[in-house]
Amino acid sequence: MGRLSKNAERVAWTRYIGGSGPEEASKRNKYNAEKTEANGRTFDSADEAKRAIDLQWLEQLGEISELRYQVSYEVIPKAGRREGRLLSC
């Protein structure tokens, strides 16, 4: 019995787990979350969308203010010649 090439092995494995090809398998989310749209915004998961809706209600009720999404912040502060890095979360 012969051995499959690396590419043939990858395609066979991808088909076995239910995908149509390597491209589809690489697009899957680690936690199987699906993008969800709520109130005109796209969120990475249904849980994130639900939390955003809850926060929007709290803002409308005056419990919180200045609600912002995906805020960038400095992880490593600038020190001398080294520049800090900005991450978007």
PDB file of N, CA and C in Angstrom:
ATOM      1  N   MET A   1       0.842  -1.185   0.000  1.00  0.00           N
ATOM      2  CA  MET A   1       0.000   0.000   0.000  1.00  0.00           C
ATOM      3  C   MET A   1       0.889   1.251   0.000  1.00  0.00           C
ATOM      4  N   GLY A   2       0.623   2.177  -0.914  1.00  0.00           N
ATOM      5  CA  GLY A   2       1.453   3.364  -1.063  1.00  0.00           C
ATOM      6  C   GLY A   2       1.093   4.463  -0.078  1.00  0.00           C
ATOM      7  N   ARG A   3       2.022   5.353   0.109  1.00  0.00           N
ATOM      8  CA  ARG A   3       1.825   6.485   1.017  1.00  0.00           C
ATOM      9  C   ARG A   3       1.336   7.690   0.219  1.00  0.00           C
ATOM     10  N   LEU A   4       0.452   8.481   0.794  1.00  0.00           N
ATOM     11  CA  LEU A   4      -0.068   9.685   0.144  1.00  0.00           C
ATOM     12  C   LEU A   4       0.959  10.803   0.220  1.00  0.00           C
ATOM     13  N   SER A   5       0.924  11.676  -0.772  1.00  0.00           N
ATOM     14  CA  SER A   5       1.765  12.871  -0.700  1.00  0.00           C
ATOM     15  C   SER A   5       1.220  13.775   0.410  1.00  0.00           C
ATOM     16  N   LYS A   6       2.015  14.719   0.841  1.00  0.00           N
ATOM     17  CA  LYS A   6       1.593  15.630   1.922  1.00  0.00           C
ATOM     18  C   LYS A   6       0.316  16.374   1.539  1.00  0.00           C
ATOM     19  N   ASN A   7       0.248  16.855   0.296  1.00  0.00           N
ATOM     20  CA  ASN A   7      -0.930  17.602  -0.143  1.00  0.00           C
ATOM     21  C   ASN A   7      -2.160  16.694  -0.194  1.00  0.00           C
ATOM     22  N   ALA A   8      -2.010  15.477  -0.740  1.00  0.00           N
ATOM     23  CA  ALA A   8      -3.134  14.548  -0.817  1.00  0.00           C
ATOM     24  C   ALA A   8      -3.601  14.151   0.583  1.00  0.00           C
ATOM     25  N   GLU A   9      -2.667  13.988   1.495  1.00  0.00           N
ATOM     26  CA  GLU A   9      -3.016  13.642   2.872  1.00  0.00           C
ATOM     27  C   GLU A   9      -3.808  14.780   3.528  1.00  0.00           C
ATOM     28  N   ARG A  10      -3.392  16.030   3.290  1.00  0.00           N
ATOM     29  CA  ARG A  10      -4.082  17.188   3.857  1.00  0.00           C
ATOM     30  C   ARG A  10      -5.500  17.307   3.300  1.00  0.00           C
ATOM     31  N   VAL A  11      -5.651  17.111   1.988  1.00  0.00           N
ATOM     32  CA  VAL A  11      -6.968  17.195   1.356  1.00  0.00           C
ATOM     33  C   VAL A  11      -7.876  16.094   1.886  1.00  0.00           C
ATOM     34  N   ALA A  12      -7.334  14.882   2.003  1.00  0.00           N
ATOM     35  CA  ALA A  12      -8.133  13.760   2.507  1.00  0.00           C
ATOM     36  C   ALA A  12      -8.572  14.020   3.944  1.00  0.00           C
ATOM     37  N   TRP A  13      -7.660  14.499   4.764  1.00  0.00           N
ATOM     38  CA  TRP A  13      -7.995  14.780   6.162  1.00  0.00           C
ATOM     39  C   TRP A  13      -9.053  15.875   6.256  1.00  0.00           C
ATOM     40  N   THR A  14      -8.921  16.929   5.453  1.00  0.00           N
ATOM     41  CA  THR A  14      -9.886  18.028   5.457  1.00  0.00           C
ATOM     42  C   THR A  14     -11.266  17.523   5.065  1.00  0.00           C
ATOM     43  N   ARG A  15     -11.335  16.688   4.041  1.00  0.00           N
ATOM     44  CA  ARG A  15     -12.623  16.125   3.637  1.00  0.00           C
ATOM     45  C   ARG A  15     -13.193  15.240   4.733  1.00  0.00           C
ATOM     46  N   TYR A  16     -12.330  14.513   5.405  1.00  0.00           N
ATOM     47  CA  TYR A  16     -12.778  13.617   6.478  1.00  0.00           C
ATOM     48  C   TYR A  16     -13.432  14.394   7.614  1.00  0.00           C
ATOM     49  N   ILE A  17     -12.868  15.550   7.977  1.00  0.00           N
ATOM     50  CA  ILE A  17     -13.419  16.314   9.098  1.00  0.00           C
ATOM     51  C   ILE A  17     -14.583  17.201   8.670  1.00  0.00           C
ATOM     52  N   GLY A  18     -14.965  17.155   7.392  1.00  0.00           N
ATOM     53  CA  GLY A  18     -16.179  17.836   6.973  1.00  0.00           C
ATOM     54  C   GLY A  18     -16.001  19.116   6.211  1.00  0.00           C
ATOM     55  N   GLY A  19     -14.806  19.534   5.901  1.00  0.00           N
ATOM     56  CA  GLY A  19     -14.598  20.744   5.121  1.00  0.00           C
ATOM     57  C   GLY A  19     -14.511  20.415   3.651  1.00  0.00           C
ATOM     58  N   SER A  20     -14.582  21.424   2.825  1.00  0.00           N
ATOM     59  CA  SER A  20     -14.510  21.194   1.385  1.00  0.00           C
ATOM     60  C   SER A  20     -13.096  21.347   0.864  1.00  0.00           C
ATOM     61  N   GLY A  21     -12.222  21.974   1.630  1.00  0.00           N
ATOM     62  CA  GLY A  21     -10.843  22.147   1.178  1.00  0.00           C
ATOM     63  C   GLY A  21     -10.003  22.791   2.261  1.00  0.00           C
ATOM     64  N   PRO A  22      -8.694  22.881   2.035  1.00  0.00           N
ATOM     65  CA  PRO A  22      -7.800  23.472   3.036  1.00  0.00           C
ATOM     66  C   PRO A  22      -8.137  24.917   3.360  1.00  0.00           C
ATOM     67  N   GLU A  23      -8.658  25.667   2.369  1.00  0.00           N
ATOM     68  CA  GLU A  23      -8.978  27.075   2.619  1.00  0.00           C
ATOM     69  C   GLU A  23     -10.076  27.195   3.662  1.00  0.00           C
ATOM     70  N   GLU A  24     -11.107  26.350   3.556  1.00  0.00           N
ATOM     71  CA  GLU A  24     -12.229  26.414   4.497  1.00  0.00           C
ATOM     72  C   GLU A  24     -11.785  26.012   5.898  1.00  0.00           C
ATOM     73  N   ALA A  25     -10.936  25.005   5.995  1.00  0.00           N
ATOM     74  CA  ALA A  25     -10.472  24.537   7.302  1.00  0.00           C
ATOM     75  C   ALA A  25      -9.677  25.626   8.013  1.00  0.00           C
ATOM     76  N   SER A  26      -8.907  26.420   7.281  1.00  0.00           N
ATOM     77  CA  SER A  26      -8.098  27.456   7.916  1.00  0.00           C
ATOM     78  C   SER A  26      -8.937  28.648   8.365  1.00  0.00           C
ATOM     79  N   LYS A  27     -10.169  28.813   7.832  1.00  0.00           N
ATOM     80  CA  LYS A  27     -11.017  29.938   8.192  1.00  0.00           C
ATOM     81  C   LYS A  27     -11.846  29.668   9.436  1.00  0.00           C
ATOM     82  N   ARG A  28     -11.848  28.443   9.937  1.00  0.00           N
ATOM     83  CA  ARG A  28     -12.650  28.118  11.108  1.00  0.00           C
ATOM     84  C   ARG A  28     -12.107  28.797  12.354  1.00  0.00           C
ATOM     85  N   ASN A  29     -13.016  29.203  13.213  1.00  0.00           N
ATOM     86  CA  ASN A  29     -12.648  29.820  14.465  1.00  0.00           C
ATOM     87  C   ASN A  29     -12.260  28.744  15.471  1.00  0.00           C
ATOM     88  N   LYS A  30     -11.320  29.044  16.319  1.00  0.00           N
ATOM     89  CA  LYS A  30     -10.848  28.091  17.323  1.00  0.00           C
ATOM     90  C   LYS A  30     -11.993  27.577  18.189  1.00  0.00           C
ATOM     91  N   TYR A  31     -12.953  28.420  18.502  1.00  0.00           N
ATOM     92  CA  TYR A  31     -14.065  28.043  19.382  1.00  0.00           C
ATOM     93  C   TYR A  31     -15.367  27.823  18.613  1.00  0.00           C
ATOM     94  N   ASN A  32     -15.270  27.677  17.301  1.00  0.00           N
ATOM     95  CA  ASN A  32     -16.429  27.481  16.432  1.00  0.00           C
ATOM     96  C   ASN A  32     -17.441  28.623  16.516  1.00  0.00           C
ATOM     97  N   ALA A  33     -16.981  29.799  16.844  1.00  0.00           N
ATOM     98  CA  ALA A  33     -17.855  30.971  16.905  1.00  0.00           C
ATOM     99  C   ALA A  33     -18.123  31.465  15.487  1.00  0.00           C
ATOM    100  N   GLU A  34     -19.293  32.018  15.277  1.00  0.00           N
ATOM    101  CA  GLU A  34     -19.651  32.570  13.975  1.00  0.00           C
ATOM    102  C   GLU A  34     -19.882  34.061  14.108  1.00  0.00           C
ATOM    103  N   LYS A  35     -19.468  34.800  13.096  1.00  0.00           N
ATOM    104  CA  LYS A  35     -19.671  36.249  13.116  1.00  0.00           C
ATOM    105  C   LYS A  35     -21.163  36.539  13.175  1.00  0.00           C
ATOM    106  N   THR A  36     -21.510  37.561  13.963  1.00  0.00           N
ATOM    107  CA  THR A  36     -22.905  37.924  14.191  1.00  0.00           C
ATOM    108  C   THR A  36     -23.055  39.428  14.031  1.00  0.00           C
ATOM    109  N   GLU A  37     -24.153  39.852  13.421  1.00  0.00           N
ATOM    110  CA  GLU A  37     -24.419  41.276  13.262  1.00  0.00           C
ATOM    111  C   GLU A  37     -25.524  41.694  14.218  1.00  0.00           C
ATOM    112  N   ALA A  38     -25.306  42.810  14.903  1.00  0.00           N
ATOM    113  CA  ALA A  38     -26.303  43.340  15.831  1.00  0.00           C
ATOM    114  C   ALA A  38     -26.198  44.860  15.835  1.00  0.00           C
ATOM    115  N   ASN A  39     -27.327  45.517  15.680  1.00  0.00           N
ATOM    116  CA  ASN A  39     -27.387  46.985  15.693  1.00  0.00           C
ATOM    117  C   ASN A  39     -26.403  47.623  14.713  1.00  0.00           C
ATOM    118  N   GLY A  40     -26.244  47.027  13.545  1.00  0.00           N
ATOM    119  CA  GLY A  40     -25.397  47.608  12.517  1.00  0.00           C
ATOM    120  C   GLY A  40     -23.913  47.347  12.676  1.00  0.00           C
ATOM    121  N   ARG A  41     -23.514  46.562  13.657  1.00  0.00           N
ATOM    122  CA  ARG A  41     -22.103  46.221  13.874  1.00  0.00           C
ATOM    123  C   ARG A  41     -21.917  44.722  13.723  1.00  0.00           C
ATOM    124  N   THR A  42     -20.724  44.318  13.301  1.00  0.00           N
ATOM    125  CA  THR A  42     -20.408  42.903  13.180  1.00  0.00           C
ATOM    126  C   THR A  42     -19.511  42.505  14.342  1.00  0.00           C
ATOM    127  N   PHE A  43     -19.892  41.437  15.021  1.00  0.00           N
ATOM    128  CA  PHE A  43     -19.141  40.932  16.162  1.00  0.00           C
ATOM    129  C   PHE A  43     -18.609  39.539  15.852  1.00  0.00           C
ATOM    130  N   ASP A  44     -17.543  39.131  16.537  1.00  0.00           N
ATOM    131  CA  ASP A  44     -16.906  37.852  16.274  1.00  0.00           C
ATOM    132  C   ASP A  44     -17.691  36.665  16.805  1.00  0.00           C
ATOM    133  N   SER A  45     -18.634  36.891  17.699  1.00  0.00           N
ATOM    134  CA  SER A  45     -19.439  35.781  18.217  1.00  0.00           C
ATOM    135  C   SER A  45     -20.797  36.298  18.676  1.00  0.00           C
ATOM    136  N   ALA A  46     -21.728  35.379  18.853  1.00  0.00           N
ATOM    137  CA  ALA A  46     -23.060  35.744  19.341  1.00  0.00           C
ATOM    138  C   ALA A  46     -22.982  36.248  20.776  1.00  0.00           C
ATOM    139  N   ASP A  47     -22.098  35.667  21.577  1.00  0.00           N
ATOM    140  CA  ASP A  47     -21.942  36.122  22.965  1.00  0.00           C
ATOM    141  C   ASP A  47     -21.442  37.556  23.027  1.00  0.00           C
ATOM    142  N   GLU A  48     -20.491  37.889  22.154  1.00  0.00           N
ATOM    143  CA  GLU A  48     -19.975  39.256  22.117  1.00  0.00           C
ATOM    144  C   GLU A  48     -21.073  40.230  21.690  1.00  0.00           C
ATOM    145  N   ALA A  49     -21.883  39.835  20.713  1.00  0.00           N
ATOM    146  CA  ALA A  49     -22.984  40.685  20.259  1.00  0.00           C
ATOM    147  C   ALA A  49     -23.999  40.895  21.371  1.00  0.00           C
ATOM    148  N   LYS A  50     -24.324  39.831  22.115  1.00  0.00           N
ATOM    149  CA  LYS A  50     -25.279  39.940  23.211  1.00  0.00           C
ATOM    150  C   LYS A  50     -24.762  40.887  24.302  1.00  0.00           C
ATOM    151  N   ARG A  51     -23.484  40.767  24.617  1.00  0.00           N
ATOM    152  CA  ARG A  51     -22.890  41.648  25.628  1.00  0.00           C
ATOM    153  C   ARG A  51     -22.916  43.107  25.155  1.00  0.00           C
ATOM    154  N   ALA A  52     -22.656  43.334  23.881  1.00  0.00           N
ATOM    155  CA  ALA A  52     -22.682  44.692  23.347  1.00  0.00           C
ATOM    156  C   ALA A  52     -24.080  45.288  23.446  1.00  0.00           C
ATOM    157  N   ILE A  53     -25.095  44.483  23.165  1.00  0.00           N
ATOM    158  CA  ILE A  53     -26.482  44.958  23.277  1.00  0.00           C
ATOM    159  C   ILE A  53     -26.798  45.313  24.729  1.00  0.00           C
ATOM    160  N   ASP A  54     -26.357  44.465  25.666  1.00  0.00           N
ATOM    161  CA  ASP A  54     -26.560  44.756  27.094  1.00  0.00           C
ATOM    162  C   ASP A  54     -25.896  46.077  27.480  1.00  0.00           C
ATOM    163  N   LEU A  55     -24.671  46.300  27.003  1.00  0.00           N
ATOM    164  CA  LEU A  55     -23.957  47.531  27.322  1.00  0.00           C
ATOM    165  C   LEU A  55     -24.625  48.753  26.678  1.00  0.00           C
ATOM    166  N   GLN A  56     -25.159  48.576  25.476  1.00  0.00           N
ATOM    167  CA  GLN A  56     -25.872  49.678  24.827  1.00  0.00           C
ATOM    168  C   GLN A  56     -27.116  50.061  25.621  1.00  0.00           C
ATOM    169  N   TRP A  57     -27.826  49.080  26.152  1.00  0.00           N
ATOM    170  CA  TRP A  57     -28.994  49.365  26.999  1.00  0.00           C
ATOM    171  C   TRP A  57     -28.575  50.119  28.257  1.00  0.00           C
ATOM    172  N   LEU A  58     -27.474  49.678  28.871  1.00  0.00           N
ATOM    173  CA  LEU A  58     -26.996  50.368  30.069  1.00  0.00           C
ATOM    174  C   LEU A  58     -26.613  51.808  29.759  1.00  0.00           C
ATOM    175  N   GLU A  59     -26.055  52.031  28.572  1.00  0.00           N
ATOM    176  CA  GLU A  59     -25.711  53.393  28.182  1.00  0.00           C
ATOM    177  C   GLU A  59     -26.975  54.226  27.978  1.00  0.00           C
ATOM    178  N   GLN A  60     -28.000  53.648  27.354  1.00  0.00           N
ATOM    179  CA  GLN A  60     -29.263  54.356  27.146  1.00  0.00           C
ATOM    180  C   GLN A  60     -29.939  54.695  28.473  1.00  0.00           C
ATOM    181  N   LEU A  61     -29.789  53.819  29.465  1.00  0.00           N
ATOM    182  CA  LEU A  61     -30.394  54.055  30.782  1.00  0.00           C
ATOM    183  C   LEU A  61     -29.587  55.003  31.648  1.00  0.00           C
ATOM    184  N   GLY A  62     -28.387  55.350  31.191  1.00  0.00           N
ATOM    185  CA  GLY A  62     -27.541  56.269  31.945  1.00  0.00           C
ATOM    186  C   GLY A  62     -26.682  55.592  32.991  1.00  0.00           C
ATOM    187  N   GLU A  63     -26.662  54.271  33.010  1.00  0.00           N
ATOM    188  CA  GLU A  63     -25.837  53.539  33.984  1.00  0.00           C
ATOM    189  C   GLU A  63     -24.350  53.632  33.643  1.00  0.00           C
ATOM    190  N   ILE A  64     -24.027  53.678  32.352  1.00  0.00           N
ATOM    191  CA  ILE A  64     -22.648  53.848  31.899  1.00  0.00           C
ATOM    192  C   ILE A  64     -22.639  54.946  30.843  1.00  0.00           C
ATOM    193  N   SER A  65     -21.446  55.456  30.532  1.00  0.00           N
ATOM    194  CA  SER A  65     -21.336  56.501  29.506  1.00  0.00           C
ATOM    195  C   SER A  65     -20.092  56.260  28.664  1.00  0.00           C
ATOM    196  N   GLU A  66     -20.066  56.891  27.514  1.00  0.00           N
ATOM    197  CA  GLU A  66     -18.926  56.852  26.600  1.00  0.00           C
ATOM    198  C   GLU A  66     -18.524  55.429  26.205  1.00  0.00           C
ATOM    199  N   LEU A  67     -19.493  54.620  25.835  1.00  0.00           N
ATOM    200  CA  LEU A  67     -19.232  53.258  25.383  1.00  0.00           C
ATOM    201  C   LEU A  67     -18.448  53.306  24.074  1.00  0.00           C
ATOM    202  N   ARG A  68     -17.310  52.593  24.028  1.00  0.00           N
ATOM    203  CA  ARG A  68     -16.468  52.546  22.825  1.00  0.00           C
ATOM    204  C   ARG A  68     -16.205  51.095  22.460  1.00  0.00           C
ATOM    205  N   TYR A  69     -15.921  50.852  21.188  1.00  0.00           N
ATOM    206  CA  TYR A  69     -15.657  49.509  20.686  1.00  0.00           C
ATOM    207  C   TYR A  69     -14.235  49.410  20.158  1.00  0.00           C
ATOM    208  N   GLN A  70     -13.602  48.266  20.347  1.00  0.00           N
ATOM    209  CA  GLN A  70     -12.292  47.958  19.778  1.00  0.00           C
ATOM    210  C   GLN A  70     -11.294  49.096  20.001  1.00  0.00           C
ATOM    211  N   VAL A  71     -11.082  49.452  21.228  1.00  0.00           N
ATOM    212  CA  VAL A  71     -10.207  50.562  21.579  1.00  0.00           C
ATOM    213  C   VAL A  71      -8.752  50.104  21.555  1.00  0.00           C
ATOM    214  N   SER A  72      -7.881  50.862  20.895  1.00  0.00           N
ATOM    215  CA  SER A  72      -6.444  50.573  20.886  1.00  0.00           C
ATOM    216  C   SER A  72      -5.825  51.147  22.157  1.00  0.00           C
ATOM    217  N   TYR A  73      -4.855  50.446  22.679  1.00  0.00           N
ATOM    218  CA  TYR A  73      -4.153  50.950  23.853  1.00  0.00           C
ATOM    219  C   TYR A  73      -2.699  50.515  23.788  1.00  0.00           C
ATOM    220  N   GLU A  74      -1.848  51.220  24.512  1.00  0.00           N
ATOM    221  CA  GLU A  74      -0.422  50.974  24.495  1.00  0.00           C
ATOM    222  C   GLU A  74      -0.080  49.876  25.498  1.00  0.00           C
ATOM    223  N   VAL A  75       0.502  48.777  25.002  1.00  0.00           N
ATOM    224  CA  VAL A  75       0.849  47.657  25.867  1.00  0.00           C
ATOM    225  C   VAL A  75       2.205  47.881  26.509  1.00  0.00           C
ATOM    226  N   ILE A  76       3.163  48.298  25.690  1.00  0.00           N
ATOM    227  CA  ILE A  76       4.513  48.557  26.189  1.00  0.00           C
ATOM    228  C   ILE A  76       4.758  50.051  26.067  1.00  0.00           C
ATOM    229  N   PRO A  77       4.874  50.762  27.195  1.00  0.00           N
ATOM    230  CA  PRO A  77       5.063  52.213  27.117  1.00  0.00           C
ATOM    231  C   PRO A  77       6.408  52.570  26.495  1.00  0.00           C
ATOM    232  N   LYS A  78       6.447  53.735  25.884  1.00  0.00           N
ATOM    233  CA  LYS A  78       7.688  54.206  25.281  1.00  0.00           C
ATOM    234  C   LYS A  78       8.721  54.438  26.367  1.00  0.00           C
ATOM    235  N   ALA A  79       9.947  53.970  26.108  1.00  0.00           N
ATOM    236  CA  ALA A  79      11.038  54.165  27.059  1.00  0.00           C
ATOM    237  C   ALA A  79      12.306  54.463  26.270  1.00  0.00           C
ATOM    238  N   GLY A  80      12.821  55.689  26.370  1.00  0.00           N
ATOM    239  CA  GLY A  80      14.018  56.063  25.636  1.00  0.00           C
ATOM    240  C   GLY A  80      13.784  55.993  24.140  1.00  0.00           C
ATOM    241  N   ARG A  81      14.613  55.219  23.424  1.00  0.00           N
ATOM    242  CA  ARG A  81      14.491  55.105  21.978  1.00  0.00           C
ATOM    243  C   ARG A  81      13.489  54.039  21.559  1.00  0.00           C
ATOM    244  N   ARG A  82      13.125  53.166  22.450  1.00  0.00           N
ATOM    245  CA  ARG A  82      12.191  52.080  22.108  1.00  0.00           C
ATOM    246  C   ARG A  82      10.779  52.628  22.006  1.00  0.00           C
ATOM    247  N   GLU A  83      10.070  52.201  21.007  1.00  0.00           N
ATOM    248  CA  GLU A  83       8.692  52.642  20.838  1.00  0.00           C
ATOM    249  C   GLU A  83       7.749  51.582  21.351  1.00  0.00           C
ATOM    250  N   GLY A  84       6.650  52.015  21.949  1.00  0.00           N
ATOM    251  CA  GLY A  84       5.644  51.079  22.416  1.00  0.00           C
ATOM    252  C   GLY A  84       4.856  50.506  21.260  1.00  0.00           C
ATOM    253  N   ARG A  85       4.131  49.446  21.535  1.00  0.00           N
ATOM    254  CA  ARG A  85       3.310  48.817  20.512  1.00  0.00           C
ATOM    255  C   ARG A  85       1.850  49.074  20.822  1.00  0.00           C
ATOM    256  N   LEU A  86       1.090  49.365  19.791  1.00  0.00           N
ATOM    257  CA  LEU A  86      -0.342  49.551  19.947  1.00  0.00           C
ATOM    258  C   LEU A  86      -1.053  48.290  19.490  1.00  0.00           C
ATOM    259  N   LEU A  87      -1.934  47.784  20.321  1.00  0.00           N
ATOM    260  CA  LEU A  87      -2.710  46.615  19.963  1.00  0.00           C
ATOM    261  C   LEU A  87      -4.174  46.997  19.910  1.00  0.00           C
ATOM    262  N   SER A  88      -4.880  46.471  18.957  1.00  0.00           N
ATOM    263  CA  SER A  88      -6.315  46.688  18.862  1.00  0.00           C
ATOM    264  C   SER A  88      -7.010  45.445  19.345  1.00  0.00           C
ATOM    265  N   CYS A  89      -7.801  45.575  20.370  1.00  0.00           N
ATOM    266  CA  CYS A  89      -8.491  44.421  20.941  1.00  0.00           C
ATOM    267  C   CYS A  89      -9.976  44.543  20.743  1.00  0.00           C
TER     268      CYS A  89
END
